[in-house]
Protein backbone atom coordinates (compact mmCIF):
# COMPACT_ATOMS: atom_id res chain seq x y z
CA MET A 1 10.71 -22.32 21.62
CA LYS A 2 13.59 -21.94 19.80
CA PRO A 3 12.00 -19.43 16.63
CA SER A 4 13.50 -20.64 13.20
CA LEU A 5 12.93 -17.04 12.58
CA LEU A 6 13.12 -13.23 14.54
CA ILE A 7 11.06 -10.74 12.73
CA TRP A 8 12.26 -7.36 14.55
CA ASP A 9 10.94 -3.98 14.24
CA TRP A 10 13.21 -1.60 14.41
CA ASN A 11 12.77 2.58 15.51
CA GLY A 12 12.20 1.54 19.38
CA THR A 13 13.03 -2.12 19.14
CA LEU A 14 16.28 -2.02 17.97
CA LEU A 15 17.31 1.73 16.76
CA ASP A 16 17.26 3.62 20.55
CA ASP A 17 15.68 6.54 19.03
CA VAL A 18 12.89 7.21 21.34
CA ALA A 19 14.11 10.33 23.14
CA LEU A 20 14.50 12.07 19.52
CA CYS A 21 10.98 11.30 18.45
CA ASN A 22 9.49 12.76 21.61
CA GLN A 23 11.62 16.03 21.00
CA CYS A 24 10.83 16.06 17.33
CA LEU A 25 7.21 15.85 18.00
CA ASN A 26 7.19 18.51 20.98
CA ASP A 27 9.76 20.19 18.10
CA LEU A 28 6.70 20.12 15.61
CA LEU A 29 3.95 21.42 18.00
CA ALA A 30 6.12 24.41 18.80
CA GLY A 31 6.56 25.53 15.13
CA HIS A 32 3.48 25.37 14.05
CA GLY A 33 1.70 27.06 17.04
CA TYR A 34 0.91 24.59 19.21
CA ALA A 35 0.83 24.90 23.26
CA GLN A 36 1.22 21.39 24.62
CA ARG A 37 3.76 19.85 25.18
CA TYR A 38 4.86 16.03 26.13
CA ASP A 39 7.10 14.64 28.20
CA ALA A 40 8.35 10.90 27.81
CA ALA A 41 5.71 9.80 30.06
CA ALA A 42 3.19 11.36 27.95
CA TYR A 43 4.76 10.69 24.81
CA LYS A 44 4.39 6.88 25.24
CA GLU A 45 0.60 7.27 26.33
CA ILE A 46 -0.17 8.64 22.71
CA PHE A 47 2.36 7.25 20.10
CA GLY A 48 0.88 4.71 18.13
CA PHE A 49 0.25 3.29 14.44
CA PRO A 50 -0.44 4.62 12.03
CA ILE A 51 0.89 7.76 12.62
CA GLN A 52 -1.86 9.98 11.37
CA ASP A 53 -3.75 8.71 14.55
CA TYR A 54 -0.95 9.51 16.72
CA TYR A 55 -1.14 12.89 15.21
CA LEU A 56 -4.28 13.41 16.00
CA ARG A 57 -3.81 12.23 19.74
CA ALA A 58 -0.82 14.92 20.13
CA GLY A 59 -3.44 17.42 19.07
CA PHE A 60 -2.84 18.73 14.91
CA ASP A 61 -5.66 20.14 13.18
CA PHE A 62 -4.89 19.37 10.13
CA SER A 63 -7.49 21.40 8.66
CA ARG A 64 -4.74 23.73 9.44
CA HIS A 65 -1.49 22.26 9.09
CA PRO A 66 -2.37 18.65 6.57
CA TYR A 67 -0.38 15.77 8.02
CA GLU A 68 1.46 15.29 4.97
CA GLU A 69 3.13 18.69 5.03
CA LEU A 70 3.51 17.83 8.59
CA ALA A 71 5.46 14.36 8.14
CA GLU A 72 7.55 16.18 5.48
CA VAL A 73 8.59 18.63 8.71
CA TYR A 74 9.21 16.13 10.79
CA MET A 75 11.16 14.45 9.01
CA ALA A 76 13.99 16.68 8.15
CA GLN A 77 14.45 17.53 11.76
CA TYR A 78 14.24 13.39 12.52
CA LEU A 79 16.11 11.57 9.79
CA PRO A 80 19.88 13.96 10.29
CA ALA A 81 19.53 14.09 14.47
CA ALA A 82 18.97 10.22 13.73
CA GLU A 83 22.53 9.06 12.68
CA GLY A 84 23.24 10.12 16.75
CA CYS A 85 20.81 7.68 18.16
CA GLY A 86 22.67 4.36 19.32
CA LEU A 87 21.60 0.84 19.83
CA CYS A 88 18.94 -0.14 22.14
CA PRO A 89 20.13 -1.50 25.33
CA GLY A 90 21.60 -5.65 24.69
CA ALA A 91 20.29 -4.90 20.61
CA ARG A 92 23.84 -6.21 19.76
CA GLU A 93 24.39 -8.45 21.74
CA THR A 94 20.56 -10.54 21.54
CA LEU A 95 21.34 -10.19 17.79
CA GLU A 96 24.45 -11.95 17.43
CA TRP A 97 23.24 -14.65 19.95
CA ALA A 98 20.29 -15.11 17.70
CA LYS A 99 23.02 -15.58 14.81
CA GLU A 100 25.39 -17.76 17.12
CA THR A 101 22.13 -20.03 17.35
CA GLY A 102 21.13 -19.96 14.09
CA ILE A 103 17.96 -18.34 14.11
CA ARG A 104 17.52 -16.44 10.98
CA GLN A 105 16.38 -12.81 11.15
CA VAL A 106 14.58 -9.92 9.23
CA ILE A 107 13.76 -6.55 10.13
CA LEU A 108 10.06 -5.18 9.26
CA SER A 109 9.89 -1.79 9.38
CA ALA A 110 7.26 0.77 9.09
CA SER A 111 9.94 3.34 7.84
CA GLN A 112 10.63 4.15 4.78
CA LEU A 113 13.15 1.23 2.84
CA PRO A 114 15.93 3.36 1.96
CA ILE A 115 16.18 5.37 4.99
CA LEU A 116 15.99 1.77 7.20
CA ARG A 117 18.62 0.28 4.99
CA ARG A 118 21.18 3.68 5.32
CA GLN A 119 20.30 3.27 9.63
CA VAL A 120 21.03 -0.71 9.49
CA GLU A 121 24.61 -0.10 7.61
CA GLU A 122 25.47 3.10 9.53
CA ARG A 123 25.31 0.55 12.93
CA SER A 124 27.38 -1.66 10.52
CA LEU A 125 24.27 -4.49 11.36
CA SER A 126 23.46 -5.43 8.00
CA GLY A 127 25.33 -8.94 8.68
CA PHE A 128 22.88 -9.67 11.11
CA PHE A 129 19.69 -9.79 8.34
CA ASP A 130 18.27 -11.56 5.18
CA GLU A 131 15.69 -9.57 4.52
CA LEU A 132 15.06 -5.76 5.50
CA LEU A 133 11.57 -4.91 4.54
CA GLY A 134 10.24 -1.14 4.74
CA GLN A 135 7.97 1.27 3.31
CA SER A 136 7.32 2.70 0.07
CA ASP A 137 6.97 6.61 1.70
CA ILE A 138 7.40 8.40 4.53
CA TYR A 139 3.68 8.38 5.91
CA ALA A 140 4.00 5.46 8.22
CA ARG A 141 0.64 3.96 8.15
CA GLY A 142 1.63 0.43 8.99
CA LYS A 143 3.65 -2.78 7.95
CA LYS A 144 0.87 -5.68 8.04
CA GLU A 145 0.56 -6.24 4.49
CA THR A 146 4.21 -6.26 3.79
CA GLY A 147 5.38 -8.27 6.96
CA LEU A 148 2.05 -11.03 5.21
CA SER A 149 3.73 -10.85 2.11
CA TYR A 150 7.07 -11.92 2.74
CA LEU A 151 5.41 -15.01 4.83
CA LYS A 152 3.52 -15.71 1.84
CA GLU A 153 6.82 -14.83 -0.29
CA SER A 154 9.15 -17.20 2.03
CA GLY A 155 6.96 -20.07 2.57
CA ILE A 156 8.16 -19.69 6.22
CA ASP A 157 5.32 -21.28 9.07
CA PRO A 158 4.03 -18.64 11.05
CA ALA A 159 3.85 -20.65 13.84
CA SER A 160 7.89 -21.05 14.37
CA ALA A 161 8.59 -17.55 13.31
CA VAL A 162 8.24 -14.61 16.77
CA LEU A 163 7.78 -11.17 16.14
CA VAL A 164 9.85 -8.43 18.33
CA GLY A 165 8.26 -4.83 18.73
CA ASP A 166 7.48 -2.35 21.13
CA THR A 167 4.19 -1.28 19.63
CA LEU A 168 0.89 -2.64 19.98
CA HIS A 169 0.66 -2.33 16.34
CA ASP A 170 3.14 -4.75 16.63
CA PHE A 171 1.42 -6.82 17.95
CA GLU A 172 -1.31 -6.39 15.77
CA VAL A 173 0.79 -7.54 12.78
CA ALA A 174 2.26 -10.53 14.71
CA ARG A 175 -1.47 -11.52 15.01
CA ALA A 176 -2.16 -10.89 11.89
CA MET A 177 0.40 -13.15 10.16
CA GLY A 178 -0.19 -15.29 12.92
CA THR A 179 3.50 -15.76 14.62
CA GLY A 180 4.48 -15.61 18.05
CA CYS A 181 5.15 -12.33 19.76
CA VAL A 182 7.26 -10.36 22.49
CA LEU A 183 6.90 -6.77 23.42
CA CYS A 184 9.46 -4.69 25.04
CA ALA A 185 8.55 -1.99 27.68
CA ALA A 186 11.76 0.02 26.16
CA GLY A 187 10.43 1.75 23.34
CA HIS A 188 7.63 3.96 22.06
CA GLN A 189 4.88 2.75 24.36
CA SER A 190 4.38 2.34 27.98
CA ARG A 191 4.44 -1.05 29.82
CA ALA A 192 0.95 -0.63 30.81
CA ARG A 193 0.01 -0.41 27.69
CA LEU A 194 1.78 -3.33 25.86
CA GLU A 195 0.76 -5.68 28.70
CA ALA A 196 -2.81 -4.83 27.75
CA ALA A 197 -1.94 -7.39 24.64
CA GLY A 198 -1.51 -10.21 26.58
CA VAL A 199 1.44 -11.44 25.51
CA PRO A 200 4.74 -11.34 26.89
CA VAL A 201 6.76 -8.15 27.67
CA ILE A 202 10.28 -7.61 28.71
CA GLY A 203 12.11 -4.81 30.31
CA THR A 204 15.12 -4.97 27.87
CA LEU A 205 16.18 -6.88 24.73
CA ALA A 206 19.06 -8.76 27.00
CA GLU A 207 15.60 -10.22 28.83
CA LEU A 208 14.61 -12.12 25.25
CA PRO A 209 16.41 -15.01 24.94
CA ALA A 210 14.96 -16.47 28.66
CA CYS A 211 11.75 -15.19 27.08
CA LEU A 212 11.61 -17.29 24.09
CA GLU A 213 12.16 -20.88 26.42
CA GLN A 214 9.17 -19.89 27.98
CA LEU A 215 7.00 -19.42 24.84
């Protein structure tokens, strides 16, 4: 299948920020007096959307530390440090392949839109995308409604589109929109968790062109 549209997730799919997010979680726990810490494997087993639920799985007590307060502290560490994050393996090459093949591309992210725009521009990627679709705040509750609105306004046939992401939330969003879905196990959730969705799972983005041919 050659899709007419690729809908890209950003964090963990194109932007390689998994190690940073893991570190920010552990620093947030330490800074608020929690004893638990998560290594890379354990982090990928608890991460998910909405982020508020992920914080509960990590062990935060919102009666002591409200979610909004934790999110503000987290972002204060994450944003400057994220400037040093590169792209995931195969990301730029796959974006170039899609552009050369004539496939339209957009990013659909749970990130706040101004942050998304800045991070994309800093990596000289703006020319690959027709649209950057982000959120109005920093709380990362999800992106389903944003995706549905975009498809409705654009008039694109969902059956001709494929969402590429790295979490089960991406699968849920794709299912709600009626698009295809490919998940990449190099991001924020483990391969075992992703495979439970029953859609193709690739190891790196370099595998995406061949995977799309099999859809």
